Amino acid sequence: MKAYKAYCLDLDGTVFRGKEVIPEAADFIRRLQNKGIEPFYVTNNASMTQQQFSDKLRAFGISAPRKQIMASSIAAAKYIKRWYPGKTVFMIGTDGVEQALTDAGIEVVKENSHVVLMGIDRNINFEKLATACLEVRRGAVFLSTNRDLAFPSERGLLPGNGAFTKVVSSSTGIEPVFLGKPEKHMLEAIQYEHGFNLEDMVMIGDNYDTDIKAGIHFGIDTVHVNTGVTPMEEALAKDVPPTAAIENLSFWEI
């Protein structure tokens, strides 16, 4: 395994599973940090703030500076600030989306917005969806944090942000720009802000269809870990397999 400057780690299924840490991943992160390398954490989960992610990782014994956490909500705020500076946003989402926009100095409005941004909202209702449709029909740029149609819970699979985004896109006939994996925007934001060369970056994850595809789309190396969604043999059988596949992160010598 070659050495990289930017190790981009997925979270759920790679670093932890729900409320349990994956010990080999925690040890891998500590080994990186002992060499002076702070990894990046790249997640589609837009419901939590950077501080909440940092606190969750700290509870697992992992020290993760807020600035190293790239959630799809953070990527969305950075995307808006870069490509639509000074524009207002109508948002659907929770603390993660709102805090990301606030931290980026982006004004959130209730109507007459330049941009509509959709993130997971457990208090979604008809009025929020109706307003989003009206704003998009009026000409607002349509963005969504991720295309996940469902997410796991103790009760089973629940409707994800992608499902609610489909309501707005189906009604308006306008497809949004998605910011989360497998799109490349989160990795692009890391590269843009830190000036990494593509050959110095690697995306590490358990889900071929999100983590590995994001790295492939961005043109960087990918490492599949057999600790979550996609079985290793399935990942290796893809038309474009990951650069490397390992059982878990204890097999990666740093």
Protein backbone atom coordinates (compact mmCIF):
# COMPACT_ATOMS: atom_id res chain seq x y z
CA MET A 1 0.00 0.00 0.00
CA LYS A 2 1.40 3.38 -0.99
CA ALA A 3 1.51 6.36 1.36
CA TYR A 4 -0.99 9.18 0.94
CA LYS A 5 -1.37 12.70 2.27
CA ALA A 6 -5.18 12.67 2.47
CA TYR A 7 -6.87 9.58 3.91
CA CYS A 8 -10.63 10.02 3.45
CA LEU A 9 -12.64 7.67 5.64
CA ASP A 10 -16.32 6.87 5.41
CA LEU A 11 -17.92 6.67 8.86
CA ASP A 12 -20.85 4.25 9.29
CA GLY A 13 -19.67 0.78 8.31
CA THR A 14 -16.04 1.85 8.12
CA VAL A 15 -15.20 3.58 11.42
CA PHE A 16 -18.26 2.50 13.42
CA ARG A 17 -21.44 0.49 13.08
CA GLY A 18 -24.29 2.43 14.62
CA LYS A 19 -23.36 2.72 18.29
CA GLU A 20 -20.30 0.45 18.16
CA VAL A 21 -16.79 1.39 17.08
CA ILE A 22 -14.86 -0.85 14.67
CA PRO A 23 -11.66 -1.41 16.72
CA GLU A 24 -9.38 -1.92 13.72
CA ALA A 25 -10.49 1.43 12.30
CA ALA A 26 -9.90 3.26 15.57
CA ASP A 27 -6.40 1.77 15.74
CA PHE A 28 -5.74 2.73 12.10
CA ILE A 29 -6.69 6.33 12.84
CA ARG A 30 -4.38 6.42 15.87
CA ARG A 31 -1.53 5.02 13.77
CA LEU A 32 -2.07 7.76 11.20
CA GLN A 33 -2.14 10.42 13.90
CA ASN A 34 1.07 9.06 15.44
CA LYS A 35 2.68 9.83 12.08
CA GLY A 36 1.28 13.37 12.10
CA ILE A 37 -1.57 12.67 9.66
CA GLU A 38 -5.14 13.69 10.50
CA PRO A 39 -7.57 11.74 8.31
CA PHE A 40 -10.72 13.24 6.83
CA TYR A 41 -14.16 11.83 7.64
CA VAL A 42 -16.50 11.80 4.64
CA THR A 43 -20.16 10.99 5.32
CA ASN A 44 -23.50 11.37 3.56
CA ASN A 45 -25.17 11.91 6.94
CA ALA A 46 -26.38 15.53 6.90
CA SER A 47 -28.38 15.37 10.13
CA MET A 48 -25.50 16.10 12.55
CA THR A 49 -23.18 19.07 12.96
CA GLN A 50 -19.41 18.80 12.79
CA GLN A 51 -19.29 19.15 16.57
CA GLN A 52 -21.82 16.34 17.03
CA PHE A 53 -19.78 14.06 14.77
CA SER A 54 -16.62 15.01 16.66
CA ASP A 55 -18.32 14.25 19.99
CA LYS A 56 -19.58 10.88 18.72
CA LEU A 57 -16.10 9.89 17.58
CA ARG A 58 -14.60 11.07 20.87
CA ALA A 59 -17.02 8.75 22.69
CA PHE A 60 -15.43 5.94 20.66
CA GLY A 61 -11.97 7.05 21.77
CA ILE A 62 -11.18 8.77 18.46
CA SER A 63 -9.91 12.34 18.41
CA ALA A 64 -11.35 14.02 15.31
CA PRO A 65 -10.97 17.79 14.83
CA ARG A 66 -14.16 19.41 13.51
CA LYS A 67 -12.40 20.77 10.44
CA GLN A 68 -11.58 17.21 9.30
CA ILE A 69 -15.25 16.22 9.08
CA MET A 70 -16.83 16.53 5.64
CA ALA A 71 -20.54 15.72 5.81
CA SER A 72 -22.78 16.21 2.78
CA SER A 73 -24.27 19.25 4.53
CA ILE A 74 -20.80 20.81 4.82
CA ALA A 75 -20.11 20.04 1.16
CA ALA A 76 -23.41 21.66 0.21
CA ALA A 77 -22.58 24.85 2.13
CA LYS A 78 -19.10 25.00 0.58
CA TYR A 79 -20.59 24.38 -2.88
CA ILE A 80 -23.07 27.23 -2.46
CA LYS A 81 -20.45 29.61 -1.09
CA ARG A 82 -18.07 28.81 -3.95
CA TRP A 83 -20.49 28.78 -6.89
CA TYR A 84 -23.36 30.99 -5.63
CA PRO A 85 -21.68 33.57 -3.36
CA GLY A 86 -24.05 35.98 -1.63
CA LYS A 87 -27.14 33.98 -2.61
CA THR A 88 -29.96 33.12 -0.20
CA VAL A 89 -31.10 29.57 0.59
CA PHE A 90 -34.41 27.92 1.44
CA MET A 91 -33.50 24.76 3.31
CA ILE A 92 -35.18 21.56 4.41
CA GLY A 93 -33.11 19.76 7.04
CA THR A 94 -32.03 19.56 10.66
CA ASP A 95 -29.23 21.08 12.74
CA GLY A 96 -26.51 19.68 10.49
CA VAL A 97 -27.70 21.58 7.41
CA GLU A 98 -28.60 24.77 9.24
CA GLN A 99 -25.28 24.93 11.14
CA ALA A 100 -23.29 24.28 7.97
CA LEU A 101 -25.00 27.16 6.18
CA THR A 102 -24.61 29.47 9.19
CA ASP A 103 -20.91 28.64 9.55
CA ALA A 104 -20.42 29.48 5.86
CA GLY A 105 -22.14 32.85 6.30
CA ILE A 106 -25.06 31.91 4.04
CA GLU A 107 -28.42 33.56 4.65
CA VAL A 108 -31.36 31.19 5.14
CA VAL A 109 -34.78 32.51 4.07
CA LYS A 110 -38.36 31.24 4.12
CA GLU A 111 -39.21 32.25 0.54
CA ASN A 112 -37.90 34.03 -2.57
CA SER A 113 -34.61 32.15 -2.34
CA HIS A 114 -31.87 31.78 -4.93
CA VAL A 115 -31.13 28.18 -3.89
CA VAL A 116 -33.21 25.30 -2.49
CA LEU A 117 -31.22 22.81 -0.41
CA MET A 118 -32.80 19.57 0.79
CA GLY A 119 -31.38 17.45 3.62
CA ILE A 120 -32.94 14.78 5.82
CA ASP A 121 -35.72 16.24 7.98
CA ARG A 122 -37.59 13.99 10.39
CA ASN A 123 -40.23 16.71 10.74
CA ILE A 124 -40.90 16.90 7.01
CA ASN A 125 -44.45 17.98 6.10
CA PHE A 126 -46.55 19.02 3.12
CA GLU A 127 -45.89 22.74 3.60
CA LYS A 128 -42.10 22.33 3.49
CA LEU A 129 -42.28 20.20 0.36
CA ALA A 130 -44.78 22.59 -1.24
CA THR A 131 -42.54 25.59 -0.57
CA ALA A 132 -39.55 23.77 -2.03
CA CYS A 133 -41.55 22.99 -5.18
CA LEU A 134 -42.71 26.58 -5.54
CA GLU A 135 -39.17 27.92 -5.07
CA VAL A 136 -37.73 25.52 -7.65
CA ARG A 137 -40.52 26.32 -10.12
CA ARG A 138 -39.74 30.01 -9.62
CA GLY A 139 -36.17 29.38 -10.75
CA ALA A 140 -34.17 28.62 -7.60
CA VAL A 141 -31.15 26.34 -8.02
CA PHE A 142 -32.07 22.87 -6.71
CA LEU A 143 -29.53 21.05 -4.52
CA SER A 144 -29.80 17.95 -2.32
CA THR A 145 -27.34 16.60 0.24
CA ASN A 146 -27.61 12.99 -0.93
CA ARG A 147 -29.70 10.56 -2.98
CA ASP A 148 -30.12 7.90 -0.25
CA LEU A 149 -33.64 6.51 -0.63
CA ALA A 150 -33.60 4.75 2.75
CA PHE A 151 -31.50 4.56 5.88
CA PRO A 152 -31.34 1.85 8.57
CA SER A 153 -32.83 2.24 12.03
CA GLU A 154 -33.81 0.03 14.94
CA ARG A 155 -37.30 -0.15 13.33
CA GLY A 156 -35.96 -1.13 9.90
CA LEU A 157 -35.34 0.91 6.76
CA LEU A 158 -36.84 4.40 6.91
CA PRO A 159 -37.32 6.89 4.04
CA GLY A 160 -34.14 8.84 3.35
CA ASN A 161 -33.47 12.27 1.95
CA GLY A 162 -33.39 10.95 -1.61
CA ALA A 163 -37.00 9.79 -1.29
CA PHE A 164 -38.22 13.25 -0.27
CA THR A 165 -36.03 14.87 -2.91
CA LYS A 166 -37.84 12.71 -5.49
CA VAL A 167 -41.15 14.27 -4.43
CA VAL A 168 -39.87 17.73 -5.37
CA SER A 169 -38.08 16.61 -8.53
CA SER A 170 -41.11 14.58 -9.70
CA SER A 171 -43.47 17.49 -9.07
CA THR A 172 -41.31 20.16 -10.72
CA GLY A 173 -39.61 18.10 -13.42
CA ILE A 174 -36.26 19.52 -12.23
CA GLU A 175 -33.45 17.19 -11.17
CA PRO A 176 -31.24 18.46 -8.33
CA VAL A 177 -27.49 18.50 -8.05
CA PHE A 178 -26.61 15.90 -5.38
CA LEU A 179 -23.63 16.73 -3.14
CA GLY A 180 -23.13 13.43 -1.30
CA LYS A 181 -21.44 10.21 -2.37
CA PRO A 182 -21.26 8.71 -5.00
CA GLU A 183 -20.92 12.22 -6.38
CA LYS A 184 -17.42 13.68 -6.13
CA HIS A 185 -18.27 17.01 -4.48
CA MET A 186 -17.12 16.18 -0.93
CA LEU A 187 -13.77 14.90 -2.13
CA GLU A 188 -13.48 17.86 -4.49
CA ALA A 189 -14.07 20.26 -1.57
CA ILE A 190 -11.24 18.62 0.41
CA GLN A 191 -8.90 18.76 -2.58
CA TYR A 192 -9.85 22.37 -3.42
CA GLU A 193 -9.35 23.66 0.14
CA HIS A 194 -6.09 21.84 0.89
CA GLY A 195 -4.46 21.75 -2.53
CA PHE A 196 -3.84 18.00 -2.62
CA ASN A 197 -2.83 16.31 -5.84
CA LEU A 198 -5.22 13.53 -6.84
CA GLU A 199 -2.49 10.92 -6.53
CA ASP A 200 -2.05 11.91 -2.87
CA MET A 201 -5.69 11.15 -1.94
CA VAL A 202 -7.46 7.88 -1.14
CA MET A 203 -11.12 7.13 -0.36
CA ILE A 204 -11.70 4.31 2.14
CA GLY A 205 -15.11 2.77 2.66
CA ASP A 206 -17.36 -0.27 3.00
CA ASN A 207 -20.02 0.62 0.44
CA TYR A 208 -19.04 0.21 -3.21
CA ASP A 209 -22.03 2.16 -4.55
CA THR A 210 -21.31 5.27 -2.48
CA ASP A 211 -17.77 5.35 -1.04
CA ILE A 212 -15.83 3.55 -3.75
CA LYS A 213 -17.78 5.07 -6.63
CA ALA A 214 -17.16 8.56 -5.21
CA GLY A 215 -13.43 7.94 -5.31
CA ILE A 216 -13.63 6.46 -8.79
CA HIS A 217 -15.68 9.42 -10.07
CA PHE A 218 -13.11 11.83 -8.62
CA GLY A 219 -10.17 9.92 -10.07
CA ILE A 220 -8.40 8.93 -6.84
CA ASP A 221 -7.35 5.59 -5.35
CA THR A 222 -9.95 3.63 -3.41
CA VAL A 223 -9.71 1.01 -0.66
CA HIS A 224 -12.65 -1.23 0.15
CA VAL A 225 -12.96 -2.61 3.69
CA ASN A 226 -15.04 -5.72 4.33
CA THR A 227 -16.71 -4.33 7.46
CA GLY A 228 -20.06 -3.04 6.22
CA VAL A 229 -22.43 -2.97 3.26
CA THR A 230 -20.66 -4.49 0.25
CA PRO A 231 -19.02 -7.95 0.55
CA MET A 232 -15.40 -7.94 -0.62
CA GLU A 233 -15.97 -10.50 -3.38
CA GLU A 234 -18.81 -8.38 -4.77
CA ALA A 235 -16.66 -5.22 -4.77
CA LEU A 236 -13.81 -7.01 -6.54
CA ALA A 237 -16.19 -8.38 -9.20
CA LYS A 238 -17.32 -4.89 -10.30
CA ASP A 239 -16.40 -3.63 -13.78
CA VAL A 240 -14.26 -1.00 -12.06
CA PRO A 241 -13.00 -2.60 -8.83
CA PRO A 242 -11.45 -0.66 -5.95
CA THR A 243 -7.71 -0.03 -6.09
CA ALA A 244 -7.33 -2.39 -3.12
CA ALA A 245 -9.56 -4.48 -0.88
CA ILE A 246 -8.78 -5.57 2.67
CA GLU A 247 -10.67 -7.44 5.36
CA ASN A 248 -10.31 -4.56 7.82
CA LEU A 249 -7.95 -1.68 8.50
CA SER A 250 -5.63 -3.71 10.73
CA PHE A 251 -4.23 -5.20 7.48
CA TRP A 252 -3.00 -1.78 6.31
CA GLU A 253 0.54 -1.04 7.50
CA ILE A 254 1.28 2.68 7.84
